[in-house]
Amino acid sequence: MDKKITFHNMEHSDPMESHTYQKLEKIEEILKDPEWTTPKYLDIKLNSQPLHPHHTAELHLKTPQFDLNTHDKGTDMYVVIDNTIDKMVTLLKKEKSKVKDKNQKVETAKTDFGDDKYDL
């Protein structure tokens, strides 16, 4: 999986980067399922405002099956990162259940042709 962390309006921070990678392991754990193909792209953008303590984090996950985005704002960057990743975990679980339901759907002659059976 390609992962990228971008810092905007702030200095690179090794503790913040390691915290982010540690939290991203939740997403990697969900995507380890053999039914899912590996993600192609995971990008998190951390943005700090220099004039006031208002930080944002945006997370973008692109896979062959879907393209998901989450974001959060707040005064503590670590909490913002945690909330953004937690939102993505929730979205991934929903997406996983949708794909699972779609794969378990039984196709029969009736569902293929509709309710009218052999109307001519």
N, C-alpha and C. Protein backbone atom coordinates (compact mmCIF):
# COMPACT_ATOMS: atom_id res chain seq x y z
N MET A 1 0.85 -1.17 0.00
CA MET A 1 0.00 0.00 0.00
C MET A 1 0.90 1.23 0.00
N ASP A 2 0.59 2.16 -0.87
CA ASP A 2 1.31 3.43 -0.90
C ASP A 2 0.68 4.39 0.09
N LYS A 3 1.49 4.84 1.04
CA LYS A 3 1.02 5.79 2.06
C LYS A 3 1.83 7.07 1.95
N LYS A 4 1.15 8.19 2.14
CA LYS A 4 1.83 9.47 2.04
C LYS A 4 1.24 10.42 3.10
N ILE A 5 2.11 11.06 3.85
CA ILE A 5 1.69 12.07 4.82
C ILE A 5 2.27 13.41 4.36
N THR A 6 1.41 14.41 4.25
CA THR A 6 1.83 15.73 3.82
C THR A 6 1.56 16.73 4.94
N PHE A 7 2.56 17.53 5.26
CA PHE A 7 2.43 18.56 6.28
C PHE A 7 2.32 19.92 5.58
N HIS A 8 1.25 20.67 5.86
CA HIS A 8 1.06 22.00 5.29
C HIS A 8 1.10 23.03 6.42
N ASN A 9 1.81 24.12 6.19
CA ASN A 9 1.91 25.22 7.16
C ASN A 9 2.45 24.77 8.52
N MET A 10 3.26 23.74 8.51
CA MET A 10 3.84 23.25 9.76
C MET A 10 5.11 22.48 9.45
N GLU A 11 5.96 22.37 10.44
CA GLU A 11 7.20 21.62 10.30
C GLU A 11 6.92 20.13 10.38
N HIS A 12 7.75 19.36 9.71
CA HIS A 12 7.64 17.90 9.80
C HIS A 12 7.94 17.49 11.23
N SER A 13 7.12 16.58 11.76
CA SER A 13 7.27 16.12 13.13
C SER A 13 7.33 14.59 13.13
N ASP A 14 8.46 14.05 13.58
CA ASP A 14 8.59 12.59 13.64
C ASP A 14 7.59 11.94 14.59
N PRO A 15 7.34 12.51 15.79
CA PRO A 15 6.33 11.88 16.66
C PRO A 15 4.93 11.90 16.05
N MET A 16 4.57 12.98 15.37
CA MET A 16 3.25 13.05 14.74
C MET A 16 3.17 12.07 13.56
N GLU A 17 4.25 11.93 12.83
CA GLU A 17 4.28 10.99 11.71
C GLU A 17 4.16 9.55 12.22
N SER A 18 4.87 9.21 13.26
CA SER A 18 4.79 7.85 13.80
C SER A 18 3.41 7.58 14.40
N HIS A 19 2.81 8.59 15.03
CA HIS A 19 1.45 8.45 15.57
C HIS A 19 0.46 8.18 14.43
N THR A 20 0.62 8.93 13.34
CA THR A 20 -0.28 8.77 12.20
C THR A 20 -0.13 7.38 11.58
N TYR A 21 1.11 6.93 11.38
CA TYR A 21 1.32 5.60 10.81
C TYR A 21 0.77 4.51 11.73
N GLN A 22 0.90 4.71 13.03
CA GLN A 22 0.36 3.74 13.98
C GLN A 22 -1.16 3.67 13.86
N LYS A 23 -1.81 4.81 13.73
CA LYS A 23 -3.27 4.83 13.60
C LYS A 23 -3.73 4.29 12.25
N LEU A 24 -2.93 4.48 11.21
CA LEU A 24 -3.29 3.98 9.88
C LEU A 24 -3.26 2.45 9.83
N GLU A 25 -2.64 1.82 10.81
CA GLU A 25 -2.63 0.36 10.86
C GLU A 25 -4.04 -0.21 11.01
N LYS A 26 -4.96 0.57 11.60
CA LYS A 26 -6.35 0.14 11.70
C LYS A 26 -6.94 -0.08 10.31
N ILE A 27 -6.66 0.86 9.41
CA ILE A 27 -7.16 0.76 8.05
C ILE A 27 -6.51 -0.42 7.33
N GLU A 28 -5.22 -0.58 7.51
CA GLU A 28 -4.51 -1.69 6.88
C GLU A 28 -5.06 -3.02 7.36
N GLU A 29 -5.43 -3.11 8.63
CA GLU A 29 -5.96 -4.35 9.19
C GLU A 29 -7.30 -4.71 8.54
N ILE A 30 -8.14 -3.72 8.32
CA ILE A 30 -9.43 -3.97 7.68
C ILE A 30 -9.22 -4.42 6.24
N LEU A 31 -8.26 -3.84 5.57
CA LEU A 31 -8.03 -4.14 4.15
C LEU A 31 -7.18 -5.39 3.94
N LYS A 32 -6.76 -6.06 5.00
CA LYS A 32 -6.00 -7.31 4.86
C LYS A 32 -6.85 -8.47 4.40
N ASP A 33 -8.15 -8.34 4.48
CA ASP A 33 -9.08 -9.39 4.10
C ASP A 33 -8.75 -9.86 2.68
N PRO A 34 -8.63 -11.17 2.46
CA PRO A 34 -8.24 -11.67 1.13
C PRO A 34 -9.25 -11.35 0.03
N GLU A 35 -10.50 -11.06 0.39
CA GLU A 35 -11.51 -10.72 -0.61
C GLU A 35 -11.22 -9.35 -1.23
N TRP A 36 -10.50 -8.50 -0.51
CA TRP A 36 -10.23 -7.14 -0.97
C TRP A 36 -8.86 -7.08 -1.62
N THR A 37 -8.77 -6.32 -2.67
CA THR A 37 -7.46 -6.10 -3.27
C THR A 37 -6.77 -4.98 -2.52
N THR A 38 -5.49 -4.94 -2.62
CA THR A 38 -4.73 -3.94 -1.87
C THR A 38 -5.03 -2.54 -2.37
N PRO A 39 -5.08 -1.59 -1.45
CA PRO A 39 -5.29 -0.21 -1.88
C PRO A 39 -4.12 0.28 -2.72
N LYS A 40 -4.43 1.13 -3.63
CA LYS A 40 -3.38 1.69 -4.46
C LYS A 40 -2.83 2.98 -3.87
N TYR A 41 -3.64 3.67 -3.08
CA TYR A 41 -3.24 5.01 -2.68
C TYR A 41 -3.89 5.40 -1.35
N LEU A 42 -3.10 5.88 -0.42
CA LEU A 42 -3.59 6.39 0.86
C LEU A 42 -2.82 7.67 1.15
N ASP A 43 -3.53 8.77 1.25
CA ASP A 43 -2.90 10.08 1.43
C ASP A 43 -3.57 10.80 2.59
N ILE A 44 -2.78 11.29 3.53
CA ILE A 44 -3.31 12.10 4.61
C ILE A 44 -2.59 13.44 4.59
N LYS A 45 -3.39 14.51 4.61
CA LYS A 45 -2.85 15.87 4.58
C LYS A 45 -3.14 16.52 5.93
N LEU A 46 -2.09 16.98 6.58
CA LEU A 46 -2.21 17.65 7.87
C LEU A 46 -1.94 19.13 7.65
N ASN A 47 -2.89 19.96 8.06
CA ASN A 47 -2.79 21.40 7.82
C ASN A 47 -2.96 22.15 9.13
N SER A 48 -2.01 23.02 9.42
CA SER A 48 -2.07 23.84 10.62
C SER A 48 -2.24 25.29 10.21
N GLN A 49 -3.08 26.02 10.91
CA GLN A 49 -3.28 27.44 10.64
C GLN A 49 -2.33 28.25 11.51
N PRO A 50 -1.51 29.11 10.92
CA PRO A 50 -0.53 29.86 11.72
C PRO A 50 -1.14 30.95 12.59
N LEU A 51 -2.30 31.47 12.21
CA LEU A 51 -2.87 32.59 12.96
C LEU A 51 -3.75 32.18 14.14
N HIS A 52 -4.31 31.00 14.08
CA HIS A 52 -5.16 30.52 15.19
C HIS A 52 -5.02 29.01 15.29
N PRO A 53 -5.28 28.46 16.48
CA PRO A 53 -5.10 27.00 16.67
C PRO A 53 -6.27 26.21 16.09
N HIS A 54 -6.33 26.14 14.79
CA HIS A 54 -7.40 25.42 14.11
C HIS A 54 -6.76 24.51 13.08
N HIS A 55 -6.68 23.22 13.38
CA HIS A 55 -5.98 22.27 12.53
C HIS A 55 -6.97 21.41 11.75
N THR A 56 -6.55 20.97 10.58
CA THR A 56 -7.40 20.08 9.78
C THR A 56 -6.57 18.89 9.31
N ALA A 57 -7.27 17.80 9.10
CA ALA A 57 -6.67 16.59 8.53
C ALA A 57 -7.64 16.05 7.49
N GLU A 58 -7.10 15.71 6.33
CA GLU A 58 -7.90 15.13 5.25
C GLU A 58 -7.27 13.80 4.87
N LEU A 59 -8.10 12.77 4.77
CA LEU A 59 -7.63 11.43 4.44
C LEU A 59 -8.33 10.96 3.17
N HIS A 60 -7.54 10.50 2.22
CA HIS A 60 -8.06 10.03 0.93
C HIS A 60 -7.57 8.60 0.72
N LEU A 61 -8.51 7.69 0.47
CA LEU A 61 -8.19 6.28 0.24
C LEU A 61 -8.77 5.88 -1.11
N LYS A 62 -7.92 5.43 -2.00
CA LYS A 62 -8.35 5.00 -3.33
C LYS A 62 -7.96 3.55 -3.55
N THR A 63 -8.94 2.74 -3.86
CA THR A 63 -8.73 1.32 -4.17
C THR A 63 -9.41 1.03 -5.49
N PRO A 64 -9.20 -0.15 -6.04
CA PRO A 64 -9.91 -0.50 -7.29
C PRO A 64 -11.43 -0.55 -7.13
N GLN A 65 -11.92 -0.82 -5.91
CA GLN A 65 -13.36 -0.92 -5.70
C GLN A 65 -14.03 0.41 -5.37
N PHE A 66 -13.33 1.31 -4.69
CA PHE A 66 -13.97 2.54 -4.22
C PHE A 66 -12.94 3.64 -3.99
N ASP A 67 -13.47 4.83 -3.72
CA ASP A 67 -12.67 6.02 -3.48
C ASP A 67 -13.33 6.75 -2.31
N LEU A 68 -12.66 6.81 -1.15
CA LEU A 68 -13.26 7.38 0.05
C LEU A 68 -12.44 8.56 0.57
N ASN A 69 -13.13 9.55 1.14
CA ASN A 69 -12.50 10.72 1.72
C ASN A 69 -13.12 11.02 3.08
N THR A 70 -12.28 11.41 4.04
CA THR A 70 -12.76 11.89 5.34
C THR A 70 -11.90 13.08 5.74
N HIS A 71 -12.45 13.89 6.65
CA HIS A 71 -11.70 15.01 7.17
C HIS A 71 -12.23 15.39 8.55
N ASP A 72 -11.44 16.16 9.27
CA ASP A 72 -11.85 16.63 10.59
C ASP A 72 -11.09 17.92 10.90
N LYS A 73 -11.66 18.71 11.82
CA LYS A 73 -11.04 19.97 12.24
C LYS A 73 -11.04 20.03 13.76
N GLY A 74 -10.08 20.73 14.32
CA GLY A 74 -10.03 20.88 15.77
C GLY A 74 -8.81 21.63 16.22
N THR A 75 -8.66 21.75 17.55
CA THR A 75 -7.55 22.52 18.10
C THR A 75 -6.33 21.65 18.40
N ASP A 76 -6.51 20.35 18.60
CA ASP A 76 -5.39 19.45 18.89
C ASP A 76 -5.18 18.53 17.67
N MET A 77 -4.01 18.62 17.07
CA MET A 77 -3.74 17.88 15.83
C MET A 77 -3.81 16.37 16.04
N TYR A 78 -3.38 15.88 17.18
CA TYR A 78 -3.42 14.43 17.44
C TYR A 78 -4.87 13.93 17.49
N VAL A 79 -5.75 14.71 18.11
CA VAL A 79 -7.17 14.34 18.18
C VAL A 79 -7.80 14.41 16.80
N VAL A 80 -7.41 15.41 16.02
CA VAL A 80 -7.92 15.56 14.66
C VAL A 80 -7.52 14.35 13.81
N ILE A 81 -6.27 13.92 13.93
CA ILE A 81 -5.79 12.74 13.19
C ILE A 81 -6.59 11.50 13.60
N ASP A 82 -6.75 11.31 14.91
CA ASP A 82 -7.50 10.15 15.41
C ASP A 82 -8.93 10.15 14.88
N ASN A 83 -9.60 11.30 14.94
CA ASN A 83 -10.99 11.39 14.48
C ASN A 83 -11.11 11.13 12.99
N THR A 84 -10.18 11.65 12.21
CA THR A 84 -10.21 11.45 10.77
C THR A 84 -10.05 9.97 10.42
N ILE A 85 -9.11 9.32 11.06
CA ILE A 85 -8.88 7.89 10.79
C ILE A 85 -10.04 7.05 11.29
N ASP A 86 -10.62 7.40 12.44
CA ASP A 86 -11.79 6.67 12.94
C ASP A 86 -12.97 6.78 11.98
N LYS A 87 -13.15 7.97 11.39
CA LYS A 87 -14.22 8.14 10.40
C LYS A 87 -13.98 7.24 9.19
N MET A 88 -12.72 7.13 8.77
CA MET A 88 -12.39 6.28 7.63
C MET A 88 -12.64 4.82 7.96
N VAL A 89 -12.31 4.41 9.18
CA VAL A 89 -12.56 3.02 9.59
C VAL A 89 -14.05 2.72 9.53
N THR A 90 -14.88 3.66 9.98
CA THR A 90 -16.33 3.48 9.93
C THR A 90 -16.81 3.36 8.48
N LEU A 91 -16.31 4.24 7.61
CA LEU A 91 -16.69 4.16 6.19
C LEU A 91 -16.25 2.84 5.56
N LEU A 92 -15.05 2.39 5.90
CA LEU A 92 -14.56 1.13 5.34
C LEU A 92 -15.41 -0.05 5.78
N LYS A 93 -15.81 -0.05 7.04
CA LYS A 93 -16.67 -1.15 7.52
C LYS A 93 -18.00 -1.16 6.79
N LYS A 94 -18.57 0.03 6.54
CA LYS A 94 -19.82 0.10 5.79
C LYS A 94 -19.62 -0.39 4.36
N GLU A 95 -18.53 0.04 3.74
CA GLU A 95 -18.25 -0.38 2.37
C GLU A 95 -18.01 -1.89 2.30
N LYS A 96 -17.33 -2.42 3.29
CA LYS A 96 -17.06 -3.85 3.33
C LYS A 96 -18.36 -4.64 3.45
N SER A 97 -19.30 -4.17 4.27
CA SER A 97 -20.57 -4.87 4.40
C SER A 97 -21.39 -4.77 3.11
N LYS A 98 -21.29 -3.64 2.39
CA LYS A 98 -22.00 -3.51 1.11
C LYS A 98 -21.45 -4.51 0.10
N VAL A 99 -20.14 -4.60 0.01
CA VAL A 99 -19.52 -5.54 -0.93
C VAL A 99 -19.85 -6.97 -0.55
N LYS A 100 -19.84 -7.26 0.74
CA LYS A 100 -20.15 -8.61 1.21
C LYS A 100 -21.60 -8.97 0.89
N ASP A 101 -22.53 -8.02 1.11
CA ASP A 101 -23.93 -8.27 0.79
C ASP A 101 -24.12 -8.48 -0.70
N LYS A 102 -23.42 -7.71 -1.50
CA LYS A 102 -23.54 -7.83 -2.95
C LYS A 102 -23.02 -9.19 -3.42
N ASN A 103 -21.93 -9.66 -2.81
CA ASN A 103 -21.36 -10.95 -3.20
C ASN A 103 -22.23 -12.12 -2.76
N GLN A 104 -23.00 -11.95 -1.68
CA GLN A 104 -23.84 -13.04 -1.18
C GLN A 104 -25.22 -13.05 -1.82
N LYS A 105 -25.53 -12.06 -2.62
CA LYS A 105 -26.83 -12.00 -3.25
C LYS A 105 -26.96 -13.14 -4.25
N VAL A 106 -28.05 -13.89 -4.15
CA VAL A 106 -28.26 -15.06 -5.00
C VAL A 106 -28.97 -14.62 -6.28
N GLU A 107 -28.42 -15.00 -7.39
CA GLU A 107 -29.02 -14.69 -8.68
C GLU A 107 -29.80 -15.92 -9.16
N THR A 108 -31.05 -15.72 -9.42
CA THR A 108 -31.90 -16.79 -9.94
C THR A 108 -32.53 -16.33 -11.24
N ALA A 109 -33.22 -17.25 -11.89
CA ALA A 109 -33.89 -16.90 -13.14
C ALA A 109 -34.93 -15.81 -12.90
N LYS A 110 -35.59 -15.88 -11.76
CA LYS A 110 -36.63 -14.90 -11.46
C LYS A 110 -36.02 -13.51 -11.25
N THR A 111 -34.89 -13.43 -10.54
CA THR A 111 -34.28 -12.12 -10.34
C THR A 111 -33.64 -11.60 -11.61
N ASP A 112 -33.22 -12.50 -12.50
CA ASP A 112 -32.62 -12.05 -13.76
C ASP A 112 -33.66 -11.47 -14.69
N PHE A 113 -34.85 -12.06 -14.72
CA PHE A 113 -35.86 -11.65 -15.68
C PHE A 113 -37.00 -10.84 -15.07
N GLY A 114 -36.98 -10.60 -13.78
CA GLY A 114 -38.04 -9.84 -13.16
C GLY A 114 -39.12 -10.73 -12.61
N ASP A 115 -40.23 -10.08 -12.19
CA ASP A 115 -41.32 -10.82 -11.56
C ASP A 115 -42.17 -11.58 -12.56
N ASP A 116 -42.28 -11.08 -13.78
CA ASP A 116 -43.10 -11.76 -14.78
C ASP A 116 -42.37 -12.96 -15.31
N LYS A 117 -42.96 -14.12 -15.05
CA LYS A 117 -42.31 -15.36 -15.46
C LYS A 117 -42.85 -15.78 -16.83
N TYR A 118 -42.00 -15.71 -17.81
CA TYR A 118 -42.31 -16.17 -19.15
C TYR A 118 -43.53 -15.48 -19.76
N ASP A 119 -43.67 -14.17 -19.55
CA ASP A 119 -44.73 -13.43 -20.23
C ASP A 119 -44.33 -13.22 -21.67
N LEU A 120 -45.17 -13.62 -22.54
CA LEU A 120 -44.89 -13.46 -23.97
C LEU A 120 -45.91 -12.58 -24.61
